Amino acid sequence: MTVHVFHGIELLPAATSVQQLFVLLHGVGATASDLLPLAHRIREVFPNAALLLPDGPHPFDGGGSGRQWFSIRDVAEENRPARVAEAMPHLRELVRQAQERCNILPQATVLAGFSQGAIMALEFGSAHDGEVGRVLAFSGRYARLPLQAPKLTTLHLLHGEDDQVIQASHAYAAQERLQSIGGDVTLDVAPSVAHELHHALAERAIHRLQSYIPMRTWQQAMKSA
């Protein structure tokens, strides 16, 4: 087993055992600290949760102190899926080790991401169905629309209507595809919001976490009945 040293920010419950795990993935050219406002808001609502905010494994192509999950140099529709796939083993091991350290099962794990982090989170849900219970994808997209929907992971898409970096049409297309192939998905689009982790989207994500019952839970209840 390869043990990776964690680089980023950890917010752990002070005096109680961990009941949920949130792993938050930043966007390209950013760092873990950019997600602190979202992390603190989640912590207010889920005080017994552990929040891990890792830094991307690679320096940002554009220079500076920012990080990235995969290179965006000359990125195109044709080569994006391969770049995401190459970055996925690192993220999978990061999530697995976090679950092990916090003694948290996959169904109590939420993988959230913004922009490039959302791309990674969505593709994780497809590639490793059931290894996290939910995905929160803020202002993201699929590298390639899935042909098969995850059955054990619920997907929450959150997007700004005025996003000009990753347009909201990607979120609508993802919802349509996932629904057509039996995926468990929600979509919230905030008016007058651009490419940003807006508080309106954060509040909708929290609402979904608190109120949305996964489809698999309903199905199990119906079978039991």
C-alpha atoms as a PDB file:
ATOM      1  CA  MET A   1       0.000   0.000   0.000  1.00  0.00           C
ATOM      2  CA  THR A   2       1.310   3.433  -0.921  1.00  0.00           C
ATOM      3  CA  VAL A   3       0.794   6.005   1.810  1.00  0.00           C
ATOM      4  CA  HIS A   4       0.522   9.578   0.550  1.00  0.00           C
ATOM      5  CA  VAL A   5       1.330  12.469   2.840  1.00  0.00           C
ATOM      6  CA  PHE A   6      -1.725  14.718   3.033  1.00  0.00           C
ATOM      7  CA  HIS A   7      -1.157  18.258   1.756  1.00  0.00           C
ATOM      8  CA  GLY A   8      -3.991  20.630   2.485  1.00  0.00           C
ATOM      9  CA  ILE A   9      -6.308  21.631   5.309  1.00  0.00           C
ATOM     10  CA  GLU A  10      -8.070  19.376   7.801  1.00  0.00           C
ATOM     11  CA  LEU A  11     -11.010  20.454   9.954  1.00  0.00           C
ATOM     12  CA  LEU A  12     -11.815  17.766  12.508  1.00  0.00           C
ATOM     13  CA  PRO A  13     -14.453  17.586  15.269  1.00  0.00           C
ATOM     14  CA  ALA A  14     -12.977  18.666  18.585  1.00  0.00           C
ATOM     15  CA  ALA A  15     -14.499  16.296  21.116  1.00  0.00           C
ATOM     16  CA  THR A  16     -16.722  13.809  19.285  1.00  0.00           C
ATOM     17  CA  SER A  17     -16.212  10.885  16.963  1.00  0.00           C
ATOM     18  CA  VAL A  18     -16.440  11.602  13.257  1.00  0.00           C
ATOM     19  CA  GLN A  19     -19.862  10.805  11.787  1.00  0.00           C
ATOM     20  CA  GLN A  20     -19.430  12.111   8.239  1.00  0.00           C
ATOM     21  CA  LEU A  21     -16.517  12.837   5.939  1.00  0.00           C
ATOM     22  CA  PHE A  22     -16.403  15.671   3.402  1.00  0.00           C
ATOM     23  CA  VAL A  23     -13.564  15.867   0.874  1.00  0.00           C
ATOM     24  CA  LEU A  24     -13.540  19.231  -0.940  1.00  0.00           C
ATOM     25  CA  LEU A  25     -11.655  19.693  -4.217  1.00  0.00           C
ATOM     26  CA  HIS A  26     -10.652  23.173  -5.371  1.00  0.00           C
ATOM     27  CA  GLY A  27     -10.663  24.549  -8.897  1.00  0.00           C
ATOM     28  CA  VAL A  28      -7.727  24.930 -11.266  1.00  0.00           C
ATOM     29  CA  GLY A  29      -5.157  27.512 -10.188  1.00  0.00           C
ATOM     30  CA  ALA A  30      -6.591  27.655  -6.665  1.00  0.00           C
ATOM     31  CA  THR A  31      -5.622  26.069  -3.344  1.00  0.00           C
ATOM     32  CA  ALA A  32      -7.369  24.343  -0.465  1.00  0.00           C
ATOM     33  CA  SER A  33      -7.809  27.637   1.393  1.00  0.00           C
ATOM     34  CA  ASP A  34     -10.157  28.903  -1.322  1.00  0.00           C
ATOM     35  CA  LEU A  35     -12.724  26.367  -0.106  1.00  0.00           C
ATOM     36  CA  LEU A  36     -12.615  27.432   3.542  1.00  0.00           C
ATOM     37  CA  PRO A  37     -15.847  29.505   3.379  1.00  0.00           C
ATOM     38  CA  LEU A  38     -17.736  26.465   2.077  1.00  0.00           C
ATOM     39  CA  ALA A  39     -16.035  24.193   4.620  1.00  0.00           C
ATOM     40  CA  HIS A  40     -16.941  26.450   7.538  1.00  0.00           C
ATOM     41  CA  ARG A  41     -20.561  26.618   6.389  1.00  0.00           C
ATOM     42  CA  ILE A  42     -20.746  22.831   6.136  1.00  0.00           C
ATOM     43  CA  ARG A  43     -19.185  22.536   9.575  1.00  0.00           C
ATOM     44  CA  GLU A  44     -21.882  24.754  11.066  1.00  0.00           C
ATOM     45  CA  VAL A  45     -24.555  22.371   9.830  1.00  0.00           C
ATOM     46  CA  PHE A  46     -22.626  19.109  10.332  1.00  0.00           C
ATOM     47  CA  PRO A  47     -20.517  19.717  13.461  1.00  0.00           C
ATOM     48  CA  ASN A  48     -19.520  16.055  13.772  1.00  0.00           C
ATOM     49  CA  ALA A  49     -18.092  15.905  10.266  1.00  0.00           C
ATOM     50  CA  ALA A  50     -14.447  15.780   9.274  1.00  0.00           C
ATOM     51  CA  LEU A  51     -13.586  18.087   6.385  1.00  0.00           C
ATOM     52  CA  LEU A  52     -10.503  17.469   4.275  1.00  0.00           C
ATOM     53  CA  LEU A  53      -9.453  20.113   1.764  1.00  0.00           C
ATOM     54  CA  PRO A  54      -6.535  18.697  -0.236  1.00  0.00           C
ATOM     55  CA  ASP A  55      -4.305  20.723  -2.510  1.00  0.00           C
ATOM     56  CA  GLY A  56      -4.149  19.497  -6.082  1.00  0.00           C
ATOM     57  CA  PRO A  57      -1.098  17.327  -6.761  1.00  0.00           C
ATOM     58  CA  HIS A  58       0.414  19.513  -9.493  1.00  0.00           C
ATOM     59  CA  PRO A  59       1.547  23.154  -9.723  1.00  0.00           C
ATOM     60  CA  PHE A  60      -0.780  25.299 -11.822  1.00  0.00           C
ATOM     61  CA  ASP A  61       0.264  25.591 -15.475  1.00  0.00           C
ATOM     62  CA  GLY A  62      -0.282  29.332 -15.268  1.00  0.00           C
ATOM     63  CA  GLY A  63       2.304  29.813 -12.517  1.00  0.00           C
ATOM     64  CA  GLY A  64       1.962  31.260  -9.051  1.00  0.00           C
ATOM     65  CA  SER A  65       1.117  29.292  -5.925  1.00  0.00           C
ATOM     66  CA  GLY A  66      -2.028  27.653  -7.297  1.00  0.00           C
ATOM     67  CA  ARG A  67      -2.466  23.927  -7.875  1.00  0.00           C
ATOM     68  CA  GLN A  68      -4.314  21.735 -10.339  1.00  0.00           C
ATOM     69  CA  TRP A  69      -5.658  18.191 -10.590  1.00  0.00           C
ATOM     70  CA  PHE A  70      -4.700  17.871 -14.235  1.00  0.00           C
ATOM     71  CA  SER A  71      -3.079  20.104 -16.828  1.00  0.00           C
ATOM     72  CA  ILE A  72      -5.227  22.502 -18.811  1.00  0.00           C
ATOM     73  CA  ARG A  73      -2.448  23.309 -21.275  1.00  0.00           C
ATOM     74  CA  ASP A  74      -3.881  22.608 -24.748  1.00  0.00           C
ATOM     75  CA  VAL A  75      -6.836  20.844 -23.151  1.00  0.00           C
ATOM     76  CA  ALA A  76      -9.656  19.938 -25.539  1.00  0.00           C
ATOM     77  CA  GLU A  77     -12.780  17.789 -25.626  1.00  0.00           C
ATOM     78  CA  GLU A  78     -10.728  14.952 -27.120  1.00  0.00           C
ATOM     79  CA  ASN A  79      -7.947  14.806 -24.523  1.00  0.00           C
ATOM     80  CA  ARG A  80      -9.759  15.879 -21.335  1.00  0.00           C
ATOM     81  CA  PRO A  81     -11.080  12.370 -20.453  1.00  0.00           C
ATOM     82  CA  ALA A  82      -7.570  10.886 -20.603  1.00  0.00           C
ATOM     83  CA  ARG A  83      -6.177  13.609 -18.358  1.00  0.00           C
ATOM     84  CA  VAL A  84      -8.917  13.064 -15.804  1.00  0.00           C
ATOM     85  CA  ALA A  85      -8.373   9.308 -15.898  1.00  0.00           C
ATOM     86  CA  GLU A  86      -4.658   9.793 -15.294  1.00  0.00           C
ATOM     87  CA  ALA A  87      -5.392  11.978 -12.244  1.00  0.00           C
ATOM     88  CA  MET A  88      -8.010   9.618 -10.793  1.00  0.00           C
ATOM     89  CA  PRO A  89      -5.793   7.065  -8.953  1.00  0.00           C
ATOM     90  CA  HIS A  90      -4.311   9.821  -6.779  1.00  0.00           C
ATOM     91  CA  LEU A  91      -7.778  11.071  -5.821  1.00  0.00           C
ATOM     92  CA  ARG A  92      -9.082   7.561  -5.185  1.00  0.00           C
ATOM     93  CA  GLU A  93      -6.217   6.799  -2.817  1.00  0.00           C
ATOM     94  CA  LEU A  94      -6.694  10.144  -1.081  1.00  0.00           C
ATOM     95  CA  VAL A  95     -10.388   9.398  -0.455  1.00  0.00           C
ATOM     96  CA  ARG A  96      -9.709   5.832   0.650  1.00  0.00           C
ATOM     97  CA  GLN A  97      -7.024   6.866   3.133  1.00  0.00           C
ATOM     98  CA  ALA A  98      -9.255   9.627   4.519  1.00  0.00           C
ATOM     99  CA  GLN A  99     -12.071   7.128   5.085  1.00  0.00           C
ATOM    100  CA  GLU A 100      -9.639   4.772   6.799  1.00  0.00           C
ATOM    101  CA  ARG A 101      -8.192   7.444   9.076  1.00  0.00           C
ATOM    102  CA  CYS A 102     -11.624   8.778  10.060  1.00  0.00           C
ATOM    103  CA  ASN A 103     -13.194   5.303  10.273  1.00  0.00           C
ATOM    104  CA  ILE A 104     -15.976   6.397   7.922  1.00  0.00           C
ATOM    105  CA  LEU A 105     -17.853   4.195   5.470  1.00  0.00           C
ATOM    106  CA  PRO A 106     -18.317   5.233   1.826  1.00  0.00           C
ATOM    107  CA  GLN A 107     -22.043   5.979   2.255  1.00  0.00           C
ATOM    108  CA  ALA A 108     -21.169   8.610   4.901  1.00  0.00           C
ATOM    109  CA  THR A 109     -18.625  10.270   2.590  1.00  0.00           C
ATOM    110  CA  VAL A 110     -19.351  13.340   0.458  1.00  0.00           C
ATOM    111  CA  LEU A 111     -16.974  14.274  -2.359  1.00  0.00           C
ATOM    112  CA  ALA A 112     -17.446  17.916  -3.369  1.00  0.00           C
ATOM    113  CA  GLY A 113     -15.652  19.955  -5.978  1.00  0.00           C
ATOM    114  CA  PHE A 114     -15.666  23.331  -7.672  1.00  0.00           C
ATOM    115  CA  SER A 115     -14.872  23.769 -11.378  1.00  0.00           C
ATOM    116  CA  GLN A 116     -11.954  21.414 -12.156  1.00  0.00           C
ATOM    117  CA  GLY A 117     -12.536  19.851  -8.739  1.00  0.00           C
ATOM    118  CA  ALA A 118     -16.147  19.206  -9.774  1.00  0.00           C
ATOM    119  CA  ILE A 119     -14.951  17.497 -12.958  1.00  0.00           C
ATOM    120  CA  MET A 120     -12.835  15.179 -10.807  1.00  0.00           C
ATOM    121  CA  ALA A 121     -15.713  14.544  -8.376  1.00  0.00           C
ATOM    122  CA  LEU A 122     -18.220  13.712 -11.114  1.00  0.00           C
ATOM    123  CA  GLU A 123     -15.830  11.377 -12.880  1.00  0.00           C
ATOM    124  CA  PHE A 124     -14.980   9.733  -9.547  1.00  0.00           C
ATOM    125  CA  GLY A 125     -18.672   8.969  -9.076  1.00  0.00           C
ATOM    126  CA  SER A 126     -18.752   7.248 -12.469  1.00  0.00           C
ATOM    127  CA  ALA A 127     -15.443   5.413 -12.205  1.00  0.00           C
ATOM    128  CA  HIS A 128     -15.849   4.263  -8.599  1.00  0.00           C
ATOM    129  CA  ASP A 129     -19.562   3.878  -7.966  1.00  0.00           C
ATOM    130  CA  GLY A 130     -20.382   3.526  -4.274  1.00  0.00           C
ATOM    131  CA  GLU A 131     -16.973   4.569  -2.946  1.00  0.00           C
ATOM    132  CA  VAL A 132     -18.613   7.828  -1.827  1.00  0.00           C
ATOM    133  CA  GLY A 133     -22.262   8.283  -0.940  1.00  0.00           C
ATOM    134  CA  ARG A 134     -22.750  11.663  -2.585  1.00  0.00           C
ATOM    135  CA  VAL A 135     -21.062  14.016  -5.008  1.00  0.00           C
ATOM    136  CA  LEU A 136     -21.546  17.787  -4.917  1.00  0.00           C
ATOM    137  CA  ALA A 137     -20.480  19.283  -8.242  1.00  0.00           C
ATOM    138  CA  PHE A 138     -20.270  23.085  -8.175  1.00  0.00           C
ATOM    139  CA  SER A 139     -19.863  24.770 -11.575  1.00  0.00           C
ATOM    140  CA  GLY A 140     -18.464  21.636 -13.163  1.00  0.00           C
ATOM    141  CA  ARG A 141     -19.042  19.239 -16.021  1.00  0.00           C
ATOM    142  CA  TYR A 142     -18.277  15.730 -17.137  1.00  0.00           C
ATOM    143  CA  ALA A 143     -15.122  15.201 -19.132  1.00  0.00           C
ATOM    144  CA  ARG A 144     -17.398  13.014 -21.245  1.00  0.00           C
ATOM    145  CA  LEU A 145     -21.081  12.374 -20.576  1.00  0.00           C
ATOM    146  CA  PRO A 146     -21.460   8.951 -18.956  1.00  0.00           C
ATOM    147  CA  LEU A 147     -22.879   5.898 -20.707  1.00  0.00           C
ATOM    148  CA  GLN A 148     -23.714   4.233 -17.386  1.00  0.00           C
ATOM    149  CA  ALA A 149     -25.031   5.944 -14.250  1.00  0.00           C
ATOM    150  CA  PRO A 150     -23.738   5.218 -10.759  1.00  0.00           C
ATOM    151  CA  LYS A 151     -26.228   3.183  -8.721  1.00  0.00           C
ATOM    152  CA  LEU A 152     -24.772   3.708  -5.245  1.00  0.00           C
ATOM    153  CA  THR A 153     -23.702   7.356  -5.463  1.00  0.00           C
ATOM    154  CA  THR A 154     -26.123  10.296  -5.514  1.00  0.00           C
ATOM    155  CA  LEU A 155     -25.086  13.276  -7.649  1.00  0.00           C
ATOM    156  CA  HIS A 156     -26.005  16.887  -6.865  1.00  0.00           C
ATOM    157  CA  LEU A 157     -25.278  19.373  -9.670  1.00  0.00           C
ATOM    158  CA  LEU A 158     -25.043  23.050  -8.675  1.00  0.00           C
ATOM    159  CA  HIS A 159     -24.398  25.761 -11.223  1.00  0.00           C
ATOM    160  CA  GLY A 160     -24.616  29.477 -11.881  1.00  0.00           C
ATOM    161  CA  GLU A 161     -26.903  30.471 -14.724  1.00  0.00           C
ATOM    162  CA  ASP A 162     -24.460  33.179 -15.881  1.00  0.00           C
ATOM    163  CA  ASP A 163     -21.341  30.963 -15.772  1.00  0.00           C
ATOM    164  CA  GLN A 164     -19.212  31.796 -18.814  1.00  0.00           C
ATOM    165  CA  VAL A 165     -16.288  29.502 -17.910  1.00  0.00           C
ATOM    166  CA  ILE A 166     -18.214  26.220 -17.736  1.00  0.00           C
ATOM    167  CA  GLN A 167     -21.643  27.071 -19.052  1.00  0.00           C
ATOM    168  CA  ALA A 168     -24.792  25.863 -17.315  1.00  0.00           C
ATOM    169  CA  SER A 169     -25.693  23.938 -20.469  1.00  0.00           C
ATOM    170  CA  HIS A 170     -23.199  21.298 -19.312  1.00  0.00           C
ATOM    171  CA  ALA A 171     -25.166  20.827 -16.090  1.00  0.00           C
ATOM    172  CA  TYR A 172     -28.470  20.539 -17.944  1.00  0.00           C
ATOM    173  CA  ALA A 173     -26.934  18.020 -20.354  1.00  0.00           C
ATOM    174  CA  ALA A 174     -25.543  15.975 -17.464  1.00  0.00           C
ATOM    175  CA  GLN A 175     -28.893  15.913 -15.683  1.00  0.00           C
ATOM    176  CA  GLU A 176     -30.705  14.857 -18.859  1.00  0.00           C
ATOM    177  CA  ARG A 177     -28.208  12.081 -19.576  1.00  0.00           C
ATOM    178  CA  LEU A 178     -28.172  10.770 -16.013  1.00  0.00           C
ATOM    179  CA  GLN A 179     -31.952  10.718 -15.755  1.00  0.00           C
ATOM    180  CA  SER A 180     -32.213   8.891 -19.071  1.00  0.00           C
ATOM    181  CA  ILE A 181     -29.910   6.098 -17.845  1.00  0.00           C
ATOM    182  CA  GLY A 182     -31.377   5.746 -14.352  1.00  0.00           C
ATOM    183  CA  GLY A 183     -29.029   7.941 -12.356  1.00  0.00           C
ATOM    184  CA  ASP A 184     -29.853   9.499  -8.982  1.00  0.00           C
ATOM    185  CA  VAL A 185     -29.309  13.193  -9.686  1.00  0.00           C
ATOM    186  CA  THR A 186     -30.517  16.654  -8.700  1.00  0.00           C
ATOM    187  CA  LEU A 187     -29.835  19.979 -10.397  1.00  0.00           C
ATOM    188  CA  ASP A 188     -29.934  23.472  -8.922  1.00  0.00           C
ATOM    189  CA  VAL A 189     -29.168  26.473 -11.147  1.00  0.00           C
ATOM    190  CA  ALA A 190     -28.865  29.872  -9.472  1.00  0.00           C
ATOM    191  CA  PRO A 191     -29.910  32.943 -11.498  1.00  0.00           C
ATOM    192  CA  SER A 192     -27.451  35.828 -11.884  1.00  0.00           C
ATOM    193  CA  VAL A 193     -24.554  33.705 -10.584  1.00  0.00           C
ATOM    194  CA  ALA A 194     -21.335  33.403 -12.577  1.00  0.00           C
ATOM    195  CA  HIS A 195     -18.409  30.955 -12.213  1.00  0.00           C
ATOM    196  CA  GLU A 196     -18.070  31.172  -8.453  1.00  0.00           C
ATOM    197  CA  LEU A 197     -18.747  29.266  -5.269  1.00  0.00           C
ATOM    198  CA  HIS A 198     -21.697  31.494  -4.495  1.00  0.00           C
ATOM    199  CA  HIS A 199     -23.412  31.277  -1.111  1.00  0.00           C
ATOM    200  CA  ALA A 200     -26.729  30.544  -2.855  1.00  0.00           C
ATOM    201  CA  LEU A 201     -25.242  27.372  -4.326  1.00  0.00           C
ATOM    202  CA  ALA A 202     -23.702  26.421  -0.987  1.00  0.00           C
ATOM    203  CA  GLU A 203     -27.098  26.752   0.698  1.00  0.00           C
ATOM    204  CA  ARG A 204     -28.766  24.616  -1.971  1.00  0.00           C
ATOM    205  CA  ALA A 205     -26.083  21.955  -1.487  1.00  0.00           C
ATOM    206  CA  ILE A 206     -26.720  21.908   2.251  1.00  0.00           C
ATOM    207  CA  HIS A 207     -30.462  21.707   1.628  1.00  0.00           C
ATOM    208  CA  ARG A 208     -29.932  18.693  -0.626  1.00  0.00           C
ATOM    209  CA  LEU A 209     -27.738  16.985   1.962  1.00  0.00           C
ATOM    210  CA  GLN A 210     -30.318  17.540   4.683  1.00  0.00           C
ATOM    211  CA  SER A 211     -33.513  16.786   2.793  1.00  0.00           C
ATOM    212  CA  TYR A 212     -32.878  14.654  -0.290  1.00  0.00           C
ATOM    213  CA  ILE A 213     -33.396  10.933   0.263  1.00  0.00           C
ATOM    214  CA  PRO A 214     -31.273   8.900  -2.172  1.00  0.00           C
ATOM    215  CA  MET A 215     -33.150   6.822  -4.699  1.00  0.00           C
ATOM    216  CA  ARG A 216     -31.497   3.616  -3.461  1.00  0.00           C
ATOM    217  CA  THR A 217     -32.940   4.251   0.025  1.00  0.00           C
ATOM    218  CA  TRP A 218     -36.438   4.534  -1.423  1.00  0.00           C
ATOM    219  CA  GLN A 219     -35.938   1.372  -3.450  1.00  0.00           C
ATOM    220  CA  GLN A 220     -34.762  -0.590  -0.402  1.00  0.00           C
ATOM    221  CA  ALA A 221     -37.749   0.665   1.585  1.00  0.00           C
ATOM    222  CA  MET A 222     -40.141  -0.425  -1.168  1.00  0.00           C
ATOM    223  CA  LYS A 223     -38.579  -3.880  -1.293  1.00  0.00           C
ATOM    224  CA  SER A 224     -38.880  -4.215   2.471  1.00  0.00           C
ATOM    225  CA  ALA A 225     -42.526  -3.134   2.333  1.00  0.00           C
END
